[in-house]
Amino acid sequence: MTLAAKIRTHKLSSNATLCASGYNLIGADSPAIEAMTDFSRVTAVTVNAAASLAEANAMMISRGVRLLMVSGADDQVVGLITARDILGEKPMQLAQARGGKRDDLTVKDLMVAVGNIDTLYLSEVMNARVIDILNALKSQGRQHIMVEDVDPATGLPRVRGIFSATQIGRLLGVPVLGFELASTFAEIEAALAH
């Protein structure tokens, strides 16, 4: 037996305002999970290790992200690459060291390999606050940190989500621009203090 909900339309109230969304949704003591981008709900943006830096950068711009997961066969994570990796000094330094051009480099040349990626376990995140995540990012000197759990269907580890200083800033209503981590954290901490 199914129940049909009975609904009626109404006229919009004359004094209605728009709901402010997307910021001021969290605070320092909010559960950390509220600031995590959960890959069980949002598709992770991935790139192949053989992609050019220009392709990776274009993908970041089109998807509005600053980090791409580098995936191999069967969606296995082999690394990650950030906008800082692509747009910073690292590509030119590597190209010069190899005696080549920046355009010759691929994602594989600059990505952080899977064995060097710091993660948090989802079980720990479930008991953490937003300020705990911010402190972890700050102490690591990173813009992002991955969250790992176990896939209940396979029993294998998986990347469940990601924390981003930029996303935390957005949720706080702080416009986080650029790559200067010190100013990013200062802006976020100032917003959390209010």
Protein backbone atom coordinates (compact mmCIF):
# COMPACT_ATOMS: atom_id res chain seq x y z
CA MET A 1 0.00 0.00 0.00
CA THR A 2 1.39 3.40 -0.95
CA LEU A 3 0.46 6.67 0.64
CA ALA A 4 -0.03 9.65 -1.59
CA ALA A 5 0.96 12.94 -0.05
CA LYS A 6 -1.59 15.67 -0.51
CA ILE A 7 -0.06 19.02 -1.25
CA ARG A 8 -1.49 22.33 -2.31
CA THR A 9 0.16 25.26 -3.93
CA HIS A 10 0.11 28.66 -2.30
CA LYS A 11 0.92 32.16 -3.45
CA LEU A 12 4.39 33.38 -2.57
CA SER A 13 4.36 35.65 0.46
CA SER A 14 4.77 39.29 -0.48
CA ASN A 15 7.56 39.82 2.09
CA ALA A 16 9.59 36.68 1.14
CA THR A 17 13.36 37.03 0.77
CA LEU A 18 15.88 34.70 -0.82
CA CYS A 19 17.47 32.08 1.39
CA ALA A 20 21.18 32.76 1.74
CA SER A 21 22.98 29.55 0.90
CA GLY A 22 26.50 28.35 0.49
CA TYR A 23 28.11 30.27 3.34
CA ASN A 24 27.91 30.81 7.07
CA LEU A 25 26.79 27.20 7.24
CA ILE A 26 29.46 26.02 9.66
CA GLY A 27 31.42 27.23 12.65
CA ALA A 28 34.57 26.18 14.49
CA ASP A 29 32.72 23.61 16.60
CA SER A 30 30.55 22.25 13.76
CA PRO A 31 31.00 18.56 13.01
CA ALA A 32 33.87 18.19 10.55
CA ILE A 33 31.78 15.94 8.31
CA GLU A 34 29.69 19.01 7.41
CA ALA A 35 32.72 20.55 5.67
CA MET A 36 33.86 17.39 3.86
CA THR A 37 33.25 16.89 0.17
CA ASP A 38 31.82 13.38 0.27
CA PHE A 39 32.58 11.32 -2.83
CA SER A 40 29.64 9.06 -2.09
CA ARG A 41 27.48 12.10 -2.93
CA VAL A 42 29.68 14.13 -5.29
CA THR A 43 31.71 12.64 -8.12
CA ALA A 44 35.44 13.10 -7.68
CA VAL A 45 37.15 14.90 -10.54
CA THR A 46 39.84 12.64 -11.97
CA VAL A 47 42.54 12.88 -14.59
CA ASN A 48 44.78 10.34 -16.28
CA ALA A 49 48.48 10.41 -15.40
CA ALA A 50 49.38 10.80 -19.10
CA ALA A 51 47.34 14.02 -19.48
CA SER A 52 49.20 17.23 -20.26
CA LEU A 53 49.41 19.99 -17.67
CA ALA A 54 47.27 22.18 -19.94
CA GLU A 55 44.56 19.49 -20.04
CA ALA A 56 44.65 19.10 -16.26
CA ASN A 57 44.49 22.86 -15.73
CA ALA A 58 41.57 23.21 -18.16
CA MET A 59 39.75 20.42 -16.32
CA MET A 60 40.28 22.19 -12.99
CA ILE A 61 38.94 25.45 -14.39
CA SER A 62 35.91 23.86 -16.04
CA ARG A 63 34.98 21.91 -12.90
CA GLY A 64 35.80 24.70 -10.43
CA VAL A 65 38.30 22.66 -8.42
CA ARG A 66 41.95 23.06 -7.44
CA LEU A 67 42.78 19.37 -7.04
CA LEU A 68 42.38 16.38 -9.33
CA MET A 69 42.62 12.77 -8.28
CA VAL A 70 44.92 10.91 -10.66
CA SER A 71 43.38 7.55 -11.47
CA GLY A 72 44.68 4.47 -13.16
CA ALA A 73 43.07 1.22 -14.22
CA ASP A 74 39.81 0.31 -12.49
CA ASP A 75 39.54 3.78 -10.89
CA GLN A 76 42.50 3.02 -8.63
CA VAL A 77 43.98 6.21 -7.19
CA VAL A 78 47.61 6.60 -8.22
CA GLY A 79 48.11 10.16 -7.03
CA LEU A 80 46.82 13.70 -6.96
CA ILE A 81 47.75 16.99 -8.55
CA THR A 82 46.84 20.49 -7.44
CA ALA A 83 46.59 23.84 -9.17
CA ARG A 84 49.64 24.90 -7.17
CA ASP A 85 51.60 21.99 -8.69
CA ILE A 86 50.61 23.01 -12.21
CA LEU A 87 50.78 26.79 -11.95
CA GLY A 88 53.64 27.22 -9.49
CA GLU A 89 57.39 27.17 -10.10
CA LYS A 90 57.67 23.38 -9.98
CA PRO A 91 56.93 22.74 -13.69
CA MET A 92 59.55 25.21 -14.91
CA GLN A 93 62.15 23.89 -12.47
CA LEU A 94 61.53 20.31 -13.55
CA ALA A 95 61.54 21.18 -17.26
CA GLN A 96 64.83 23.07 -16.88
CA ALA A 97 66.39 20.24 -14.87
CA ARG A 98 65.44 17.80 -17.65
CA GLY A 99 66.55 20.17 -20.40
CA GLY A 100 63.07 20.22 -21.90
CA LYS A 101 60.03 22.45 -22.12
CA ARG A 102 57.14 22.88 -19.72
CA ASP A 103 54.75 21.66 -22.44
CA ASP A 104 56.55 18.30 -22.43
CA LEU A 105 55.50 17.57 -18.84
CA THR A 106 52.54 15.39 -17.92
CA VAL A 107 50.45 14.99 -14.80
CA LYS A 108 52.58 11.98 -13.84
CA ASP A 109 55.68 14.20 -13.72
CA LEU A 110 54.21 16.52 -11.07
CA MET A 111 51.61 14.49 -9.20
CA VAL A 112 51.95 13.47 -5.56
CA ALA A 113 52.14 9.68 -5.68
CA VAL A 114 49.66 7.65 -3.65
CA GLY A 115 52.31 6.62 -1.11
CA ASN A 116 52.92 10.27 -0.21
CA ILE A 117 49.31 11.37 0.27
CA ASP A 118 48.28 12.11 3.85
CA THR A 119 44.78 11.01 4.79
CA LEU A 120 42.39 11.01 7.70
CA TYR A 121 40.23 8.01 8.50
CA LEU A 122 36.49 8.59 8.24
CA SER A 123 36.02 7.10 11.72
CA GLU A 124 38.24 9.89 13.13
CA VAL A 125 36.49 12.56 11.07
CA MET A 126 33.13 11.52 12.51
CA ASN A 127 34.36 12.65 15.95
CA ALA A 128 36.20 15.79 14.79
CA ARG A 129 35.18 19.43 14.53
CA VAL A 130 35.82 21.89 11.69
CA ILE A 131 38.54 23.60 13.75
CA ASP A 132 40.31 20.22 14.13
CA ILE A 133 40.42 19.82 10.35
CA LEU A 134 41.63 23.37 9.88
CA ASN A 135 44.39 22.76 12.43
CA ALA A 136 45.39 19.54 10.63
CA LEU A 137 45.56 21.36 7.28
CA LYS A 138 47.54 24.18 8.83
CA SER A 139 50.02 21.91 10.61
CA GLN A 140 50.60 19.96 7.38
CA GLY A 141 50.92 23.18 5.36
CA ARG A 142 48.35 21.87 2.91
CA GLN A 143 45.29 23.17 1.13
CA HIS A 144 43.66 19.70 1.00
CA ILE A 145 43.52 16.48 2.96
CA MET A 146 41.93 13.21 1.86
CA VAL A 147 39.52 11.09 3.88
CA GLU A 148 39.77 7.31 3.63
CA ASP A 149 37.39 4.54 4.62
CA VAL A 150 36.66 0.94 3.66
CA ASP A 151 34.26 0.07 0.85
CA PRO A 152 31.64 -2.17 2.50
CA ALA A 153 31.04 -4.02 -0.78
CA THR A 154 34.68 -4.99 -1.39
CA GLY A 155 36.37 -4.56 1.97
CA LEU A 156 39.08 -2.52 0.22
CA PRO A 157 40.27 0.98 1.17
CA ARG A 158 38.82 3.88 -0.79
CA VAL A 159 39.06 7.65 -0.90
CA ARG A 160 35.75 8.67 0.63
CA GLY A 161 36.16 12.43 0.51
CA ILE A 162 38.31 15.48 0.81
CA PHE A 163 38.67 18.52 2.99
CA SER A 164 39.68 21.73 1.27
CA ALA A 165 40.65 24.99 2.96
CA THR A 166 38.93 26.75 0.07
CA GLN A 167 35.68 24.85 0.65
CA ILE A 168 35.81 25.50 4.39
CA GLY A 169 36.31 29.19 3.57
CA ARG A 170 33.32 29.16 1.21
CA LEU A 171 31.11 27.58 3.86
CA LEU A 172 32.20 30.35 6.23
CA GLY A 173 31.57 33.09 3.68
CA VAL A 174 35.29 33.82 3.27
CA PRO A 175 36.40 34.40 -0.33
CA VAL A 176 39.61 32.36 -0.47
CA LEU A 177 41.70 33.34 -3.47
CA GLY A 178 45.19 32.48 -4.57
CA PHE A 179 47.70 30.02 -3.23
CA GLU A 180 49.10 31.84 -0.19
CA LEU A 181 48.29 29.35 2.58
CA ALA A 182 49.19 31.69 5.44
CA SER A 183 46.66 34.32 4.33
CA THR A 184 44.07 31.61 3.55
CA PHE A 185 44.27 30.22 7.08
CA ALA A 186 44.32 33.71 8.60
CA GLU A 187 41.11 34.63 6.75
CA ILE A 188 39.39 31.41 7.78
CA GLU A 189 40.51 31.72 11.42
CA ALA A 190 39.22 35.30 11.51
CA ALA A 191 35.83 34.12 10.22
CA LEU A 192 35.72 31.31 12.79
CA ALA A 193 36.46 33.77 15.60
CA HIS A 194 33.32 35.79 14.80
